[in-house]
Protein backbone atom coordinates (compact mmCIF):
# COMPACT_ATOMS: atom_id res chain seq x y z
CA MET A 1 -16.72 35.69 32.06
CA THR A 2 -14.56 33.90 34.93
CA LEU A 3 -11.86 32.05 34.75
CA ARG A 4 -13.14 28.82 34.94
CA THR A 5 -16.05 29.39 32.64
CA LEU A 6 -13.45 30.59 29.89
CA MET A 7 -11.64 27.30 30.91
CA LEU A 8 -14.76 24.99 30.53
CA ALA A 9 -15.81 26.97 26.95
CA THR A 10 -11.90 26.66 25.57
CA ALA A 11 -12.16 22.30 26.75
CA ALA A 12 -16.00 22.16 24.89
CA ALA A 13 -14.52 23.50 22.19
CA PHE A 14 -11.43 21.55 21.11
CA PRO A 15 -13.13 18.12 19.70
CA ALA A 16 -15.15 20.52 17.19
CA LEU A 17 -11.63 21.90 16.52
CA ALA A 18 -10.01 18.57 15.85
CA HIS A 19 -12.58 17.71 14.24
CA ALA A 20 -12.47 20.38 11.40
CA ASN A 21 -8.96 20.35 10.92
CA ALA A 22 -8.92 16.67 10.18
CA ALA A 23 -7.54 15.18 7.14
CA GLU A 24 -9.62 14.29 4.39
CA VAL A 25 -9.09 11.16 3.33
CA GLU A 26 -10.14 8.79 0.57
CA LEU A 27 -8.97 5.38 -0.36
CA TRP A 28 -8.20 3.64 -3.56
CA ARG A 29 -7.91 0.23 -4.80
CA LEU A 30 -6.04 -0.29 -7.75
CA ASP A 31 -5.22 -3.15 -10.08
CA CYS A 32 -1.77 -4.34 -10.28
CA GLY A 33 -1.97 -8.17 -11.37
CA THR A 34 -2.41 -11.22 -10.86
CA ILE A 35 -0.69 -14.73 -10.22
CA ALA A 36 -2.04 -17.78 -11.47
CA VAL A 37 -0.25 -20.73 -8.77
CA LYS A 38 -0.72 -24.26 -9.82
CA ASP A 39 0.55 -25.38 -6.19
CA LEU A 40 -0.44 -23.38 -3.67
CA ALA A 41 1.82 -25.61 -1.09
CA VAL A 42 4.62 -23.46 -1.63
CA PHE A 43 2.64 -21.04 0.82
CA SER A 44 1.73 -22.80 3.88
CA ASP A 45 4.80 -24.55 6.24
CA THR A 46 1.75 -26.37 7.25
CA PHE A 47 0.72 -28.24 4.23
CA ASN A 48 -3.01 -26.58 3.97
CA TYR A 49 -2.65 -26.16 0.81
CA GLU A 50 -1.55 -29.34 -1.19
CA GLY A 51 -2.65 -29.54 -4.61
CA GLN A 52 -4.67 -26.92 -4.71
CA SER A 53 -4.37 -24.23 -7.28
CA ARG A 54 -5.93 -20.76 -7.40
CA THR A 55 -5.11 -16.89 -8.57
CA LEU A 56 -3.59 -14.40 -5.95
CA THR A 57 -4.95 -10.85 -6.70
CA ASP A 58 -1.77 -8.19 -6.10
CA SER A 59 -3.64 -4.85 -5.07
CA CYS A 60 -2.01 -1.90 -4.84
CA TYR A 61 -3.69 1.82 -3.20
CA LEU A 62 -4.22 5.33 -3.59
CA ILE A 63 -4.54 7.52 -0.98
CA ARG A 64 -5.90 11.30 -0.82
CA HIS A 65 -4.83 12.78 2.22
CA ASN A 66 -6.18 16.45 1.68
CA ALA A 67 -4.40 17.77 -1.69
CA GLY A 68 -1.43 15.23 -1.49
CA TYR A 69 -1.36 11.76 -3.13
CA MET A 70 0.50 8.35 -1.97
CA ILE A 71 0.31 4.83 -3.61
CA TRP A 72 0.80 2.10 -0.98
CA ASP A 73 2.53 -0.64 -3.52
CA THR A 74 3.59 -0.71 -6.87
CA GLY A 75 2.41 -4.05 -7.94
CA LEU A 76 3.77 -6.38 -11.03
CA PRO A 77 6.10 -4.86 -13.36
CA ALA A 78 4.66 -3.09 -17.01
CA ALA A 79 6.74 -5.90 -18.77
CA LEU A 80 4.41 -7.98 -17.78
CA LEU A 81 0.56 -6.25 -19.12
CA ASN A 82 -1.47 -8.32 -21.11
CA ALA A 83 1.23 -11.43 -20.25
CA PRO A 84 -0.22 -15.18 -21.34
CA GLN A 85 -0.42 -17.23 -17.73
CA GLY A 86 0.12 -20.34 -19.72
CA ASP A 87 0.91 -23.96 -17.39
CA ALA A 88 3.87 -22.13 -15.40
CA ALA A 89 3.80 -22.76 -12.39
CA MET A 90 3.48 -19.17 -11.24
CA ALA A 91 2.54 -17.29 -14.29
CA PRO A 92 1.65 -13.69 -13.11
CA THR A 93 -0.03 -10.76 -15.36
CA LEU A 94 -1.00 -7.69 -15.42
CA ALA A 95 -4.03 -6.24 -17.42
CA LYS A 96 -3.58 -2.48 -15.99
CA THR A 97 -0.69 0.37 -15.48
CA LEU A 98 -0.55 1.87 -12.09
CA PRO A 99 -0.57 5.31 -14.64
CA SER A 100 -3.65 4.00 -17.15
CA GLN A 101 -6.00 3.55 -13.98
CA LEU A 102 -4.60 6.91 -11.85
CA ALA A 103 -5.56 8.28 -15.44
CA GLU A 104 -9.29 6.94 -14.70
CA ILE A 105 -9.09 8.35 -11.58
CA GLY A 106 -7.81 12.05 -12.76
CA VAL A 107 -4.60 11.55 -10.93
CA LYS A 108 -1.17 12.39 -12.69
CA PRO A 109 1.94 9.74 -12.07
CA GLU A 110 3.99 13.48 -11.15
CA GLN A 111 1.09 14.33 -8.29
CA ILE A 112 2.19 11.67 -6.37
CA GLU A 113 4.31 12.60 -3.22
CA THR A 114 5.09 9.82 -1.97
CA VAL A 115 5.35 5.79 -2.77
CA GLY A 116 5.14 3.06 0.74
CA ILE A 117 6.45 -0.28 -0.17
CA SER A 118 4.83 -3.08 1.78
CA HIS A 119 7.98 -5.32 1.09
CA TYR A 120 10.55 -5.84 -1.47
CA HIS A 121 8.88 -8.27 -3.89
CA PHE A 122 9.08 -7.79 -7.31
CA ASP A 123 5.38 -8.13 -6.88
CA HIS A 124 4.71 -5.19 -4.68
CA VAL A 125 7.42 -2.40 -6.25
CA GLY A 126 7.21 -3.75 -9.83
CA GLN A 127 6.10 -0.26 -11.30
CA ALA A 128 7.85 2.12 -8.38
CA ALA A 129 10.25 4.14 -10.95
CA ASP A 130 6.84 5.29 -12.83
CA PHE A 131 6.97 7.58 -9.74
CA ALA A 132 10.49 8.51 -9.31
CA ARG A 133 10.13 12.05 -8.48
CA ALA A 134 8.15 10.94 -5.25
CA THR A 135 9.19 9.91 -1.84
CA LEU A 136 10.13 6.35 -1.18
CA LEU A 137 8.98 4.67 2.59
CA ILE A 138 10.30 1.05 2.27
CA GLY A 139 11.44 -0.90 5.71
CA LYS A 140 14.81 -0.05 6.50
CA ALA A 141 15.67 -4.02 6.43
CA ASP A 142 14.21 -4.28 3.22
CA LEU A 143 16.20 -1.63 1.70
CA ALA A 144 19.18 -2.61 3.43
CA ALA A 145 18.61 -6.27 2.08
CA ILE A 146 17.91 -5.77 -1.53
CA GLN A 147 20.76 -3.71 -1.78
CA GLN A 148 22.95 -7.18 -1.09
CA THR A 149 24.41 -9.78 -3.73
CA PRO A 150 22.71 -11.81 -4.67
CA SER A 151 19.76 -10.55 -4.20
CA PRO A 152 17.05 -12.08 -2.12
CA PHE A 153 14.64 -14.15 -3.06
CA GLY A 154 12.42 -12.78 -5.15
CA ALA A 155 13.54 -9.28 -5.33
CA ASP A 156 14.91 -7.10 -8.00
CA PRO A 157 16.66 -3.64 -7.21
CA THR A 158 16.28 -2.39 -10.66
CA PHE A 159 13.02 -1.57 -9.79
CA LEU A 160 13.44 0.34 -6.97
CA ALA A 161 16.57 2.05 -8.88
CA PRO A 162 15.74 5.46 -8.63
CA TRP A 163 16.18 5.40 -5.07
CA ILE A 164 19.02 2.99 -4.48
CA LYS A 165 21.24 4.54 -6.80
CA GLY A 166 20.68 8.25 -4.89
CA GLU A 167 18.84 9.74 -7.51
CA ALA A 168 15.52 9.98 -6.11
CA LYS A 169 14.99 11.04 -1.57
CA ALA A 170 13.98 7.63 -0.12
CA GLU A 171 13.20 7.21 3.71
CA PRO A 172 14.14 3.57 5.59
CA VAL A 173 11.49 3.05 8.20
CA GLU A 174 11.78 1.55 11.59
CA GLY A 175 9.23 0.64 13.81
CA ASP A 176 6.31 1.99 13.20
CA LYS A 177 5.79 5.53 11.06
CA ASP A 178 2.43 7.84 11.24
CA VAL A 179 2.86 9.19 7.90
CA PHE A 180 1.17 12.64 7.76
CA GLY A 181 1.66 12.78 11.65
CA ASP A 182 -2.17 12.90 12.25
CA GLY A 183 -2.65 8.92 12.38
CA SER A 184 -4.53 9.34 9.32
CA VAL A 185 -2.04 7.02 7.84
CA VAL A 186 0.16 4.69 9.84
CA MET A 187 3.09 2.12 8.59
CA LEU A 188 2.99 -0.66 10.90
CA SER A 189 6.03 -2.92 11.41
CA THR A 190 5.54 -6.48 10.54
CA PRO A 191 8.61 -8.06 9.77
CA GLY A 192 8.19 -12.08 9.13
CA HIS A 193 7.17 -12.07 5.05
CA THR A 194 10.37 -10.35 4.91
CA PRO A 195 12.88 -8.41 7.17
CA GLY A 196 11.26 -5.03 7.43
CA SER A 197 7.92 -6.19 5.82
CA TYR A 198 5.09 -2.94 6.86
CA SER A 199 1.05 -3.18 6.71
CA LEU A 200 -0.60 -0.20 6.16
CA LEU A 201 -3.62 1.27 8.29
CA VAL A 202 -5.76 3.51 6.68
CA ARG A 203 -8.36 5.72 9.10
CA VAL A 204 -11.22 7.11 6.59
CA SER A 205 -14.31 7.11 8.83
CA LYS A 206 -15.33 10.09 10.76
CA ARG A 207 -16.12 7.70 13.36
CA GLY A 208 -13.01 5.78 13.82
CA ARG A 209 -13.31 3.31 11.95
CA CYS A 210 -10.67 2.16 9.58
CA CYS A 211 -9.34 -0.09 6.65
CA SER A 212 -6.30 -1.98 6.62
CA ALA A 213 -3.73 -2.50 3.57
CA ALA A 214 -1.93 -5.31 4.95
CA THR A 215 1.01 -7.45 3.08
CA ARG A 216 -1.13 -10.05 1.07
CA SER A 217 -0.50 -13.59 1.86
CA ILE A 218 -2.08 -16.80 1.96
CA SER A 219 -1.83 -18.41 5.42
CA ARG A 220 -4.62 -18.86 8.87
CA SER A 221 -3.32 -15.80 9.65
CA SER A 222 -4.00 -13.64 6.55
CA SER A 223 -5.03 -10.38 6.80
CA PRO A 224 -7.06 -8.74 4.22
CA MET A 225 -8.04 -5.55 3.26
CA THR A 226 -11.13 -4.63 5.46
CA ALA A 227 -13.12 -2.25 4.56
CA CYS A 228 -15.64 -0.05 6.80
CA ARG A 229 -18.89 -0.45 5.18
CA PRO A 230 -20.37 2.71 6.27
CA SER A 231 -17.39 4.59 4.08
CA ILE A 232 -17.68 2.40 0.88
CA GLN A 233 -18.38 3.88 -2.59
CA THR A 234 -18.31 2.66 -5.71
CA VAL A 235 -17.44 4.86 -8.62
CA PRO A 236 -18.63 4.13 -11.75
CA LYS A 237 -15.95 3.09 -14.44
CA ARG A 238 -13.38 3.64 -11.48
CA SER A 239 -11.51 1.50 -8.95
CA PRO A 240 -13.31 0.96 -5.53
CA ARG A 241 -12.96 3.92 -3.14
CA TRP A 242 -13.00 4.64 0.20
CA THR A 243 -13.79 7.96 1.91
CA ALA A 244 -14.27 9.84 5.03
């Protein structure tokens, strides 16, 4: 075999090798509560929602990367389980806790190795302490802000106490972060909602398409979960799952 032939054969093998070594990724959407809002005007600085009301969905995501598990956001606190919504201006409630939904999928809380947080508001960190063995990934600016006195609006540092007190490992994130180092799960820096807000890009399709689990917002530029249609699977009696 000539050197040129060997080089061509090696180059041709790289795509197949990369495909063979690609991580196996699965994505589940988990129900992390709802918030009934009587007046949506507070969510718009352009007065788009005057006089409107809506029930907002609070979503979290479970990601399996090969044998490891990551949770993105931890939703409303468990203390709001079955809370009546009544006539409050903003009424949050939770139908299921994260551990109970993980049990339906067959995952134990101690199997969660990484907890990623989009931003510090209470409806996104409420059940984080259930996964205190995990490494916390959170925007550096958010981690600094939540430790200020007084705490920023919508923030409660007690939900992140294991990491703030140094009892669990926290990794403050600046800029974009490739969580597993293979491009399959990437934290995208999207400051604005809070100083250190992040969105999450999860690649679940072998064809290069992806699902983007972004910070929930109500605006003309909102960026909801966009699923790769060829990869969607519905799991009976379980949360929706996307698989590579």
